[in-house]
Structures are given as structure tokens and as C-alpha cells.
Amino acid sequence: TVLLVDDEPKILKSISMLLRANGFDDVLTLDQSDAVLPLLREQPIAVM
């Protein structure tokens, strides 16, 4: 699972599409930094 964190929706969309096109099927996106730590405590992430 890849977690993308950026406050720009266009960046999140383009990078997640690029990752999925290159075999990373499980891509999560967050646009608010304060939501990151709670997510990381609940779900295993391979790279951020």
C-alpha cells in the first residue's frame, strides 16, 4: 500500500494514476496532514 499525502488534488490524482499504471494497485491519498498519523496507526503502509 502506497500512501500519498499532498494538499493539491491534481497532484494526488496524477501520481496515484501513475503508480497504478506501474503496478501499484493499492494507493491511498490524503489531502490533510493531520489525518496521516491516525491512518498510519490503523493501517499498514509500505511506503509514503
All heavy atoms as atom14 arrays in JSON, in Angstrom:
{
  "sequence": "TVLLVDDEPKILKSISMLLRANGFDDVLTLDQSDAVLPLLREQPIAVM",
  "atom14_mask": [
    [1, 1, 1, 1, 1, 1, 1, 0, 0, 0, 0, 0, 0, 0],
    [1, 1, 1, 1, 1, 1, 1, 0, 0, 0, 0, 0, 0, 0],
    [1, 1, 1, 1, 1, 1, 1, 1, 0, 0, 0, 0, 0, 0],
    [1, 1, 1, 1, 1, 1, 1, 1, 0, 0, 0, 0, 0, 0],
    [1, 1, 1, 1, 1, 1, 1, 0, 0, 0, 0, 0, 0, 0],
    [1, 1, 1, 1, 1, 1, 1, 1, 0, 0, 0, 0, 0, 0],
    [1, 1, 1, 1, 1, 1, 1, 1, 0, 0, 0, 0, 0, 0],
    [1, 1, 1, 1, 1, 1, 1, 1, 1, 0, 0, 0, 0, 0],
    [1, 1, 1, 1, 1, 1, 1, 0, 0, 0, 0, 0, 0, 0],
    [1, 1, 1, 1, 1, 1, 1, 1, 1, 0, 0, 0, 0, 0],
    [1, 1, 1, 1, 1, 1, 1, 1, 0, 0, 0, 0, 0, 0],
    [1, 1, 1, 1, 1, 1, 1, 1, 0, 0, 0, 0, 0, 0],
    [1, 1, 1, 1, 1, 1, 1, 1, 1, 0, 0, 0, 0, 0],
    [1, 1, 1, 1, 1, 1, 0, 0, 0, 0, 0, 0, 0, 0],
    [1, 1, 1, 1, 1, 1, 1, 1, 0, 0, 0, 0, 0, 0],
    [1, 1, 1, 1, 1, 1, 0, 0, 0, 0, 0, 0, 0, 0],
    [1, 1, 1, 1, 1, 1, 1, 1, 0, 0, 0, 0, 0, 0],
    [1, 1, 1, 1, 1, 1, 1, 1, 0, 0, 0, 0, 0, 0],
    [1, 1, 1, 1, 1, 1, 1, 1, 0, 0, 0, 0, 0, 0],
    [1, 1, 1, 1, 1, 1, 1, 1, 1, 1, 1, 0, 0, 0],
    [1, 1, 1, 1, 1, 0, 0, 0, 0, 0, 0, 0, 0, 0],
    [1, 1, 1, 1, 1, 1, 1, 1, 0, 0, 0, 0, 0, 0],
    [1, 1, 1, 1, 0, 0, 0, 0, 0, 0, 0, 0, 0, 0],
    [1, 1, 1, 1, 1, 1, 1, 1, 1, 1, 1, 0, 0, 0],
    [1, 1, 1, 1, 1, 1, 1, 1, 0, 0, 0, 0, 0, 0],
    [1, 1, 1, 1, 1, 1, 1, 1, 0, 0, 0, 0, 0, 0],
    [1, 1, 1, 1, 1, 1, 1, 0, 0, 0, 0, 0, 0, 0],
    [1, 1, 1, 1, 1, 1, 1, 1, 0, 0, 0, 0, 0, 0],
    [1, 1, 1, 1, 1, 1, 1, 0, 0, 0, 0, 0, 0, 0],
    [1, 1, 1, 1, 1, 1, 1, 1, 0, 0, 0, 0, 0, 0],
    [1, 1, 1, 1, 1, 1, 1, 1, 0, 0, 0, 0, 0, 0],
    [1, 1, 1, 1, 1, 1, 1, 1, 1, 0, 0, 0, 0, 0],
    [1, 1, 1, 1, 1, 1, 0, 0, 0, 0, 0, 0, 0, 0],
    [1, 1, 1, 1, 1, 1, 1, 1, 0, 0, 0, 0, 0, 0],
    [1, 1, 1, 1, 1, 0, 0, 0, 0, 0, 0, 0, 0, 0],
    [1, 1, 1, 1, 1, 1, 1, 0, 0, 0, 0, 0, 0, 0],
    [1, 1, 1, 1, 1, 1, 1, 1, 0, 0, 0, 0, 0, 0],
    [1, 1, 1, 1, 1, 1, 1, 0, 0, 0, 0, 0, 0, 0],
    [1, 1, 1, 1, 1, 1, 1, 1, 0, 0, 0, 0, 0, 0],
    [1, 1, 1, 1, 1, 1, 1, 1, 0, 0, 0, 0, 0, 0],
    [1, 1, 1, 1, 1, 1, 1, 1, 1, 1, 1, 0, 0, 0],
    [1, 1, 1, 1, 1, 1, 1, 1, 1, 0, 0, 0, 0, 0],
    [1, 1, 1, 1, 1, 1, 1, 1, 1, 0, 0, 0, 0, 0],
    [1, 1, 1, 1, 1, 1, 1, 0, 0, 0, 0, 0, 0, 0],
    [1, 1, 1, 1, 1, 1, 1, 1, 0, 0, 0, 0, 0, 0],
    [1, 1, 1, 1, 1, 0, 0, 0, 0, 0, 0, 0, 0, 0],
    [1, 1, 1, 1, 1, 1, 1, 0, 0, 0, 0, 0, 0, 0],
    [1, 1, 1, 1, 1, 1, 1, 1, 0, 0, 0, 0, 0, 0]
  ],
  "atom14_positions": [
    [[0.84, -1.19, 0.0], [0.0, 0.0, 0.0], [0.88, 1.24, 0.0], [1.79, 1.37, 0.82], [-0.92, 0.02, 1.23], [-1.71, -1.17, 1.23], [-1.82, 1.23, 1.23], [0.0, 0.0, 0.0], [0.0, 0.0, 0.0], [0.0, 0.0, 0.0], [0.0, 0.0, 0.0], [0.0, 0.0, 0.0], [0.0, 0.0, 0.0], [0.0, 0.0, 0.0]],
    [[0.59, 2.14, -0.91], [1.3, 3.41, -1.0], [0.36, 4.5, -0.5], [-0.8, 4.56, -0.9], [1.72, 3.71, -2.46], [2.41, 5.07, -2.55], [2.61, 2.61, -3.01], [0.0, 0.0, 0.0], [0.0, 0.0, 0.0], [0.0, 0.0, 0.0], [0.0, 0.0, 0.0], [0.0, 0.0, 0.0], [0.0, 0.0, 0.0], [0.0, 0.0, 0.0]],
    [[0.87, 5.35, 0.37], [0.1, 6.49, 0.86], [0.69, 7.77, 0.28], [1.87, 8.06, 0.46], [0.14, 6.55, 2.39], [-0.52, 7.77, 3.03], [-2.0, 7.86, 2.68], [-0.31, 7.75, 4.54], [0.0, 0.0, 0.0], [0.0, 0.0, 0.0], [0.0, 0.0, 0.0], [0.0, 0.0, 0.0], [0.0, 0.0, 0.0], [0.0, 0.0, 0.0]],
    [[-0.15, 8.53, -0.44], [0.24, 9.83, -0.98], [-0.39, 10.92, -0.14], [-1.6, 10.89, 0.11], [-0.27, 9.98, -2.42], [0.17, 8.94, -3.44], [-0.52, 9.21, -4.78], [1.66, 8.96, -3.61], [0.0, 0.0, 0.0], [0.0, 0.0, 0.0], [0.0, 0.0, 0.0], [0.0, 0.0, 0.0], [0.0, 0.0, 0.0], [0.0, 0.0, 0.0]],
    [[0.41, 11.88, 0.28], [-0.1, 12.99, 1.09], [0.32, 14.31, 0.44], [1.51, 14.62, 0.34], [0.44, 12.92, 2.54], [-0.15, 14.05, 3.37], [0.14, 11.57, 3.17], [0.0, 0.0, 0.0], [0.0, 0.0, 0.0], [0.0, 0.0, 0.0], [0.0, 0.0, 0.0], [0.0, 0.0, 0.0], [0.0, 0.0, 0.0], [0.0, 0.0, 0.0]],
    [[-0.69, 15.05, -0.02], [-0.45, 16.34, -0.67], [-1.74, 17.13, -0.59], [-2.82, 16.55, -0.68], [-0.04, 16.12, -2.13], [0.61, 17.34, -2.76], [-0.02, 18.43, -2.74], [1.72, 17.21, -3.29], [0.0, 0.0, 0.0], [0.0, 0.0, 0.0], [0.0, 0.0, 0.0], [0.0, 0.0, 0.0], [0.0, 0.0, 0.0], [0.0, 0.0, 0.0]],
    [[-1.65, 18.43, -0.43], [-2.87, 19.25, -0.34], [-3.4, 19.66, -1.71], [-4.41, 20.33, -1.8], [-2.65, 20.47, 0.55], [-1.59, 21.41, 0.01], [-0.62, 20.93, -0.6], [-1.72, 22.63, 0.2], [0.0, 0.0, 0.0], [0.0, 0.0, 0.0], [0.0, 0.0, 0.0], [0.0, 0.0, 0.0], [0.0, 0.0, 0.0], [0.0, 0.0, 0.0]],
    [[-2.74, 19.24, -2.79], [-3.18, 19.57, -4.14], [-3.85, 18.34, -4.78], [-3.18, 17.36, -5.11], [-1.99, 19.99, -4.99], [-1.32, 21.25, -4.49], [-0.13, 21.63, -5.34], [-0.29, 21.75, -6.57], [0.96, 21.79, -4.78], [0.0, 0.0, 0.0], [0.0, 0.0, 0.0], [0.0, 0.0, 0.0], [0.0, 0.0, 0.0], [0.0, 0.0, 0.0]],
    [[-5.19, 18.4, -4.98], [-5.91, 17.25, -5.55], [-5.38, 16.8, -6.91], [-5.34, 15.61, -7.19], [-7.35, 17.75, -5.66], [-7.46, 18.85, -4.65], [-6.1, 19.48, -4.59], [0.0, 0.0, 0.0], [0.0, 0.0, 0.0], [0.0, 0.0, 0.0], [0.0, 0.0, 0.0], [0.0, 0.0, 0.0], [0.0, 0.0, 0.0], [0.0, 0.0, 0.0]],
    [[-4.93, 17.73, -7.74], [-4.41, 17.35, -9.06], [-3.13, 16.51, -8.93], [-2.91, 15.58, -9.71], [-4.14, 18.59, -9.91], [-5.4, 19.27, -10.39], [-5.07, 20.47, -11.24], [-6.35, 21.18, -11.67], [-6.07, 22.35, -12.49], [0.0, 0.0, 0.0], [0.0, 0.0, 0.0], [0.0, 0.0, 0.0], [0.0, 0.0, 0.0], [0.0, 0.0, 0.0]],
    [[-2.3, 16.87, -7.98], [-1.07, 16.11, -7.74], [-1.41, 14.71, -7.26], [-0.87, 13.72, -7.74], [-0.16, 16.82, -6.71], [0.31, 18.18, -7.25], [1.01, 15.93, -6.3], [1.33, 18.12, -8.34], [0.0, 0.0, 0.0], [0.0, 0.0, 0.0], [0.0, 0.0, 0.0], [0.0, 0.0, 0.0], [0.0, 0.0, 0.0], [0.0, 0.0, 0.0]],
    [[-2.34, 14.62, -6.3], [-2.75, 13.31, -5.79], [-3.29, 12.43, -6.91], [-2.95, 11.25, -7.01], [-3.81, 13.46, -4.69], [-3.34, 14.06, -3.37], [-4.52, 14.28, -2.45], [-2.28, 13.18, -2.72], [0.0, 0.0, 0.0], [0.0, 0.0, 0.0], [0.0, 0.0, 0.0], [0.0, 0.0, 0.0], [0.0, 0.0, 0.0], [0.0, 0.0, 0.0]],
    [[-4.12, 13.01, -7.76], [-4.72, 12.23, -8.85], [-3.67, 11.77, -9.85], [-3.64, 10.6, -10.24], [-5.8, 13.06, -9.56], [-6.51, 12.29, -10.64], [-7.62, 13.1, -11.26], [-8.33, 12.29, -12.34], [-9.42, 13.02, -12.96], [0.0, 0.0, 0.0], [0.0, 0.0, 0.0], [0.0, 0.0, 0.0], [0.0, 0.0, 0.0], [0.0, 0.0, 0.0]],
    [[-2.8, 12.67, -10.27], [-1.81, 12.31, -11.3], [-0.81, 11.28, -10.78], [-0.48, 10.32, -11.5], [-1.11, 13.54, -11.85], [-0.34, 14.17, -10.87], [0.0, 0.0, 0.0], [0.0, 0.0, 0.0], [0.0, 0.0, 0.0], [0.0, 0.0, 0.0], [0.0, 0.0, 0.0], [0.0, 0.0, 0.0], [0.0, 0.0, 0.0], [0.0, 0.0, 0.0]],
    [[-0.34, 11.44, -9.56], [0.64, 10.48, -9.04], [-0.02, 9.13, -8.76], [0.58, 8.09, -9.03], [1.34, 11.03, -7.79], [2.19, 12.25, -8.17], [2.23, 9.96, -7.14], [2.83, 12.95, -7.02], [0.0, 0.0, 0.0], [0.0, 0.0, 0.0], [0.0, 0.0, 0.0], [0.0, 0.0, 0.0], [0.0, 0.0, 0.0], [0.0, 0.0, 0.0]],
    [[-1.23, 9.13, -8.24], [-1.9, 7.86, -7.99], [-2.16, 7.13, -9.31], [-1.99, 5.91, -9.4], [-3.17, 8.04, -7.18], [-4.12, 8.79, -7.87], [0.0, 0.0, 0.0], [0.0, 0.0, 0.0], [0.0, 0.0, 0.0], [0.0, 0.0, 0.0], [0.0, 0.0, 0.0], [0.0, 0.0, 0.0], [0.0, 0.0, 0.0], [0.0, 0.0, 0.0]],
    [[-2.52, 7.85, -10.37], [-2.71, 7.23, -11.68], [-1.39, 6.66, -12.22], [-1.36, 5.55, -12.76], [-3.31, 8.23, -12.66], [-4.76, 8.56, -12.39], [-5.45, 9.89, -13.41], [-5.08, 9.33, -15.05], [0.0, 0.0, 0.0], [0.0, 0.0, 0.0], [0.0, 0.0, 0.0], [0.0, 0.0, 0.0], [0.0, 0.0, 0.0], [0.0, 0.0, 0.0]],
    [[-0.32, 7.41, -12.03], [1.0, 6.96, -12.48], [1.42, 5.69, -11.73], [1.9, 4.72, -12.34], [2.02, 8.07, -12.26], [3.46, 7.77, -12.64], [3.59, 7.57, -14.15], [4.36, 8.91, -12.19], [0.0, 0.0, 0.0], [0.0, 0.0, 0.0], [0.0, 0.0, 0.0], [0.0, 0.0, 0.0], [0.0, 0.0, 0.0], [0.0, 0.0, 0.0]],
    [[1.21, 5.67, -10.43], [1.56, 4.48, -9.64], [0.72, 3.27, -10.04], [1.25, 2.17, -10.21], [1.39, 4.78, -8.14], [2.44, 5.7, -7.53], [2.04, 6.09, -6.12], [3.81, 5.04, -7.53], [0.0, 0.0, 0.0], [0.0, 0.0, 0.0], [0.0, 0.0, 0.0], [0.0, 0.0, 0.0], [0.0, 0.0, 0.0], [0.0, 0.0, 0.0]],
    [[-0.58, 3.48, -10.2], [-1.46, 2.37, -10.59], [-1.08, 1.83, -11.97], [-1.1, 0.62, -12.21], [-2.91, 2.81, -10.55], [-3.43, 2.94, -9.13], [-4.93, 3.26, -9.09], [-5.38, 3.31, -7.72], [-5.6, 4.43, -7.03], [-5.44, 5.61, -7.61], [-6.01, 4.38, -5.77], [0.0, 0.0, 0.0], [0.0, 0.0, 0.0], [0.0, 0.0, 0.0]],
    [[-0.71, 2.71, -12.88], [-0.29, 2.29, -14.22], [1.01, 1.49, -14.19], [1.32, 0.76, -15.13], [-0.13, 3.51, -15.13], [0.0, 0.0, 0.0], [0.0, 0.0, 0.0], [0.0, 0.0, 0.0], [0.0, 0.0, 0.0], [0.0, 0.0, 0.0], [0.0, 0.0, 0.0], [0.0, 0.0, 0.0], [0.0, 0.0, 0.0], [0.0, 0.0, 0.0]],
    [[1.75, 1.62, -13.09], [3.02, 0.91, -12.95], [2.95, -0.23, -11.92], [3.96, -0.62, -11.36], [4.13, 1.9, -12.58], [4.53, 2.71, -13.79], [5.26, 2.24, -14.64], [4.02, 3.93, -13.9], [0.0, 0.0, 0.0], [0.0, 0.0, 0.0], [0.0, 0.0, 0.0], [0.0, 0.0, 0.0], [0.0, 0.0, 0.0], [0.0, 0.0, 0.0]],
    [[1.73, -0.72, -11.68], [1.58, -1.93, -10.88], [1.28, -1.76, -9.41], [1.17, -2.75, -8.69], [0.0, 0.0, 0.0], [0.0, 0.0, 0.0], [0.0, 0.0, 0.0], [0.0, 0.0, 0.0], [0.0, 0.0, 0.0], [0.0, 0.0, 0.0], [0.0, 0.0, 0.0], [0.0, 0.0, 0.0], [0.0, 0.0, 0.0], [0.0, 0.0, 0.0]],
    [[1.16, -0.54, -8.94], [0.81, -0.32, -7.53], [-0.71, -0.16, -7.45], [-1.24, 0.92, -7.67], [1.51, 0.93, -6.99], [3.0, 0.77, -6.88], [3.81, 1.08, -7.96], [3.58, 0.29, -5.73], [5.18, 0.92, -7.88], [4.96, 0.13, -5.63], [5.76, 0.44, -6.72], [0.0, 0.0, 0.0], [0.0, 0.0, 0.0], [0.0, 0.0, 0.0]],
    [[-1.39, -1.26, -7.14], [-2.85, -1.27, -7.16], [-3.48, -0.61, -5.94], [-4.59, -0.1, -6.02], [-3.37, -2.7, -7.27], [-2.95, -3.35, -8.57], [-2.86, -2.63, -9.59], [-2.71, -4.56, -8.57], [0.0, 0.0, 0.0], [0.0, 0.0, 0.0], [0.0, 0.0, 0.0], [0.0, 0.0, 0.0], [0.0, 0.0, 0.0], [0.0, 0.0, 0.0]],
    [[-2.8, -0.64, -4.83], [-3.37, -0.12, -3.59], [-2.72, 1.22, -3.25], [-1.67, 1.27, -2.6], [-3.17, -1.13, -2.46], [-4.04, -0.84, -1.26], [-4.8, 0.16, -1.27], [-3.96, -1.6, -0.28], [0.0, 0.0, 0.0], [0.0, 0.0, 0.0], [0.0, 0.0, 0.0], [0.0, 0.0, 0.0], [0.0, 0.0, 0.0], [0.0, 0.0, 0.0]],
    [[-3.33, 2.3, -3.71], [-2.82, 3.65, -3.48], [-3.88, 4.43, -2.7], [-5.01, 4.56, -3.14], [-2.51, 4.37, -4.81], [-2.0, 5.78, -4.55], [-1.5, 3.57, -5.63], [0.0, 0.0, 0.0], [0.0, 0.0, 0.0], [0.0, 0.0, 0.0], [0.0, 0.0, 0.0], [0.0, 0.0, 0.0], [0.0, 0.0, 0.0], [0.0, 0.0, 0.0]],
    [[-3.49, 4.91, -1.54], [-4.37, 5.75, -0.73], [-3.9, 7.2, -0.85], [-2.7, 7.45, -0.96], [-4.32, 5.34, 0.74], [-4.72, 3.91, 1.07], [-4.51, 3.65, 2.56], [-6.16, 3.66, 0.68], [0.0, 0.0, 0.0], [0.0, 0.0, 0.0], [0.0, 0.0, 0.0], [0.0, 0.0, 0.0], [0.0, 0.0, 0.0], [0.0, 0.0, 0.0]],
    [[-4.84, 8.14, -0.8], [-4.48, 9.55, -0.85], [-5.11, 10.29, 0.31], [-6.23, 9.99, 0.72], [-4.93, 10.19, -2.18], [-6.35, 10.11, -2.29], [-4.28, 9.53, -3.37], [0.0, 0.0, 0.0], [0.0, 0.0, 0.0], [0.0, 0.0, 0.0], [0.0, 0.0, 0.0], [0.0, 0.0, 0.0], [0.0, 0.0, 0.0], [0.0, 0.0, 0.0]],
    [[-4.36, 11.23, 0.83], [-4.86, 12.13, 1.87], [-4.45, 13.55, 1.5], [-3.33, 13.79, 1.08], [-4.26, 11.8, 3.24], [-4.77, 10.55, 3.95], [-3.99, 10.33, 5.25], [-6.25, 10.65, 4.24], [0.0, 0.0, 0.0], [0.0, 0.0, 0.0], [0.0, 0.0, 0.0], [0.0, 0.0, 0.0], [0.0, 0.0, 0.0], [0.0, 0.0, 0.0]],
    [[-5.39, 14.49, 1.7], [-5.07, 15.9, 1.4], [-4.95, 16.74, 2.66], [-4.81, 17.95, 2.58], [-6.08, 16.5, 0.44], [-7.5, 16.51, 0.99], [-7.71, 16.08, 2.14], [-8.39, 16.96, 0.26], [0.0, 0.0, 0.0], [0.0, 0.0, 0.0], [0.0, 0.0, 0.0], [0.0, 0.0, 0.0], [0.0, 0.0, 0.0], [0.0, 0.0, 0.0]],
    [[-4.99, 16.1, 3.82], [-4.84, 16.81, 5.1], [-3.8, 16.11, 5.95], [-3.93, 14.93, 6.27], [-6.17, 16.87, 5.83], [-7.21, 17.67, 5.08], [-8.52, 17.74, 5.82], [-8.66, 17.25, 6.94], [-9.5, 18.36, 5.21], [0.0, 0.0, 0.0], [0.0, 0.0, 0.0], [0.0, 0.0, 0.0], [0.0, 0.0, 0.0], [0.0, 0.0, 0.0]],
    [[-2.78, 16.85, 6.33], [-1.67, 16.25, 7.07], [-2.09, 15.73, 8.45], [-1.51, 14.76, 8.94], [-0.52, 17.26, 7.21], [-0.96, 18.43, 7.87], [0.0, 0.0, 0.0], [0.0, 0.0, 0.0], [0.0, 0.0, 0.0], [0.0, 0.0, 0.0], [0.0, 0.0, 0.0], [0.0, 0.0, 0.0], [0.0, 0.0, 0.0], [0.0, 0.0, 0.0]],
    [[-3.1, 16.33, 9.06], [-3.5, 15.88, 10.39], [-4.22, 14.52, 10.37], [-4.44, 13.92, 11.41], [-4.35, 16.93, 11.11], [-5.62, 17.3, 10.36], [-5.81, 16.85, 9.22], [-6.41, 18.07, 10.92], [0.0, 0.0, 0.0], [0.0, 0.0, 0.0], [0.0, 0.0, 0.0], [0.0, 0.0, 0.0], [0.0, 0.0, 0.0], [0.0, 0.0, 0.0]],
    [[-4.55, 14.02, 9.2], [-5.2, 12.71, 9.09], [-4.19, 11.57, 8.92], [-4.56, 10.4, 8.99], [-6.19, 12.71, 7.93], [0.0, 0.0, 0.0], [0.0, 0.0, 0.0], [0.0, 0.0, 0.0], [0.0, 0.0, 0.0], [0.0, 0.0, 0.0], [0.0, 0.0, 0.0], [0.0, 0.0, 0.0], [0.0, 0.0, 0.0], [0.0, 0.0, 0.0]],
    [[-2.93, 11.9, 8.73], [-1.92, 10.89, 8.41], [-1.62, 9.97, 9.59], [-1.68, 8.74, 9.45], [-0.62, 11.56, 7.89], [0.49, 10.54, 7.75], [-0.89, 12.26, 6.58], [0.0, 0.0, 0.0], [0.0, 0.0, 0.0], [0.0, 0.0, 0.0], [0.0, 0.0, 0.0], [0.0, 0.0, 0.0], [0.0, 0.0, 0.0], [0.0, 0.0, 0.0]],
    [[-1.26, 10.52, 10.73], [-0.88, 9.67, 11.86], [-1.99, 8.73, 12.3], [-1.72, 7.54, 12.53], [-0.36, 10.52, 13.03], [1.01, 11.15, 12.78], [1.36, 12.12, 13.9], [2.08, 10.08, 12.65], [0.0, 0.0, 0.0], [0.0, 0.0, 0.0], [0.0, 0.0, 0.0], [0.0, 0.0, 0.0], [0.0, 0.0, 0.0], [0.0, 0.0, 0.0]],
    [[-3.25, 9.18, 12.4], [-4.31, 8.22, 12.73], [-4.42, 7.08, 11.72], [-4.61, 5.93, 12.1], [-5.58, 9.08, 12.75], [-5.1, 10.46, 13.07], [-3.76, 10.56, 12.4], [0.0, 0.0, 0.0], [0.0, 0.0, 0.0], [0.0, 0.0, 0.0], [0.0, 0.0, 0.0], [0.0, 0.0, 0.0], [0.0, 0.0, 0.0], [0.0, 0.0, 0.0]],
    [[-4.27, 7.39, 10.44], [-4.32, 6.34, 9.42], [-3.16, 5.37, 9.58], [-3.34, 4.15, 9.52], [-4.3, 6.94, 8.02], [-4.28, 5.88, 6.91], [-5.69, 5.45, 6.57], [-3.57, 6.38, 5.7], [0.0, 0.0, 0.0], [0.0, 0.0, 0.0], [0.0, 0.0, 0.0], [0.0, 0.0, 0.0], [0.0, 0.0, 0.0], [0.0, 0.0, 0.0]],
    [[-1.96, 5.89, 9.8], [-0.78, 5.04, 9.95], [-0.89, 4.12, 11.16], [-0.34, 3.03, 11.16], [0.49, 5.89, 10.05], [0.91, 6.64, 8.8], [2.14, 7.49, 9.08], [1.15, 5.69, 7.64], [0.0, 0.0, 0.0], [0.0, 0.0, 0.0], [0.0, 0.0, 0.0], [0.0, 0.0, 0.0], [0.0, 0.0, 0.0], [0.0, 0.0, 0.0]],
    [[-1.59, 4.56, 12.19], [-1.77, 3.73, 13.39], [-2.77, 2.6, 13.15], [-2.77, 1.62, 13.87], [-2.22, 4.61, 14.55], [-1.15, 5.56, 15.03], [-1.63, 6.46, 16.15], [-0.62, 7.44, 16.48], [-0.83, 8.76, 16.55], [-2.03, 9.26, 16.31], [0.15, 9.58, 16.86], [0.0, 0.0, 0.0], [0.0, 0.0, 0.0], [0.0, 0.0, 0.0]],
    [[-3.63, 2.76, 12.14], [-4.69, 1.79, 11.88], [-4.4, 0.85, 10.72], [-4.94, -0.24, 10.67], [-6.01, 2.54, 11.57], [-6.54, 3.34, 12.73], [-6.98, 2.46, 13.89], [-7.56, 1.39, 13.63], [-6.74, 2.84, 15.05], [0.0, 0.0, 0.0], [0.0, 0.0, 0.0], [0.0, 0.0, 0.0], [0.0, 0.0, 0.0], [0.0, 0.0, 0.0]],
    [[-3.58, 1.29, 9.78], [-3.41, 0.52, 8.54], [-1.94, 0.41, 8.17], [-1.22, 1.41, 8.18], [-4.17, 1.22, 7.42], [-4.11, 0.48, 6.13], [-5.13, 0.99, 5.14], [-6.05, 1.72, 5.49], [-4.97, 0.62, 3.9], [0.0, 0.0, 0.0], [0.0, 0.0, 0.0], [0.0, 0.0, 0.0], [0.0, 0.0, 0.0], [0.0, 0.0, 0.0]],
    [[-1.51, -0.79, 7.79], [-0.12, -0.94, 7.35], [0.11, -0.25, 6.0], [-0.68, -0.4, 5.08], [0.08, -2.45, 7.23], [-1.26, -3.07, 7.37], [-2.23, -2.05, 7.82], [0.0, 0.0, 0.0], [0.0, 0.0, 0.0], [0.0, 0.0, 0.0], [0.0, 0.0, 0.0], [0.0, 0.0, 0.0], [0.0, 0.0, 0.0], [0.0, 0.0, 0.0]],
    [[1.18, 0.48, 5.91], [1.57, 1.2, 4.7], [2.98, 0.76, 4.34], [3.85, 0.71, 5.2], [1.53, 2.73, 4.93], [0.13, 3.2, 5.33], [2.05, 3.49, 3.72], [-0.94, 3.03, 4.28], [0.0, 0.0, 0.0], [0.0, 0.0, 0.0], [0.0, 0.0, 0.0], [0.0, 0.0, 0.0], [0.0, 0.0, 0.0], [0.0, 0.0, 0.0]],
    [[3.2, 0.47, 3.06], [4.52, 0.02, 2.62], [5.47, 1.2, 2.4], [6.66, 1.13, 2.71], [4.41, -0.8, 1.34], [0.0, 0.0, 0.0], [0.0, 0.0, 0.0], [0.0, 0.0, 0.0], [0.0, 0.0, 0.0], [0.0, 0.0, 0.0], [0.0, 0.0, 0.0], [0.0, 0.0, 0.0], [0.0, 0.0, 0.0], [0.0, 0.0, 0.0]],
    [[4.93, 2.29, 1.84], [5.74, 3.47, 1.56], [4.81, 4.69, 1.52], [3.65, 4.58, 1.16], [6.53, 3.32, 0.24], [5.62, 3.23, -0.96], [7.55, 4.44, 0.07], [0.0, 0.0, 0.0], [0.0, 0.0, 0.0], [0.0, 0.0, 0.0], [0.0, 0.0, 0.0], [0.0, 0.0, 0.0], [0.0, 0.0, 0.0], [0.0, 0.0, 0.0]],
    [[5.36, 5.82, 1.9], [4.58, 7.06, 1.92], [5.3, 8.11, 1.09], [6.52, 8.24, 1.16], [4.46, 7.54, 3.37], [3.65, 8.78, 3.53], [3.44, 9.07, 5.31], [3.22, 10.81, 5.3], [0.0, 0.0, 0.0], [0.0, 0.0, 0.0], [0.0, 0.0, 0.0], [0.0, 0.0, 0.0], [0.0, 0.0, 0.0], [0.0, 0.0, 0.0]]
  ]
}
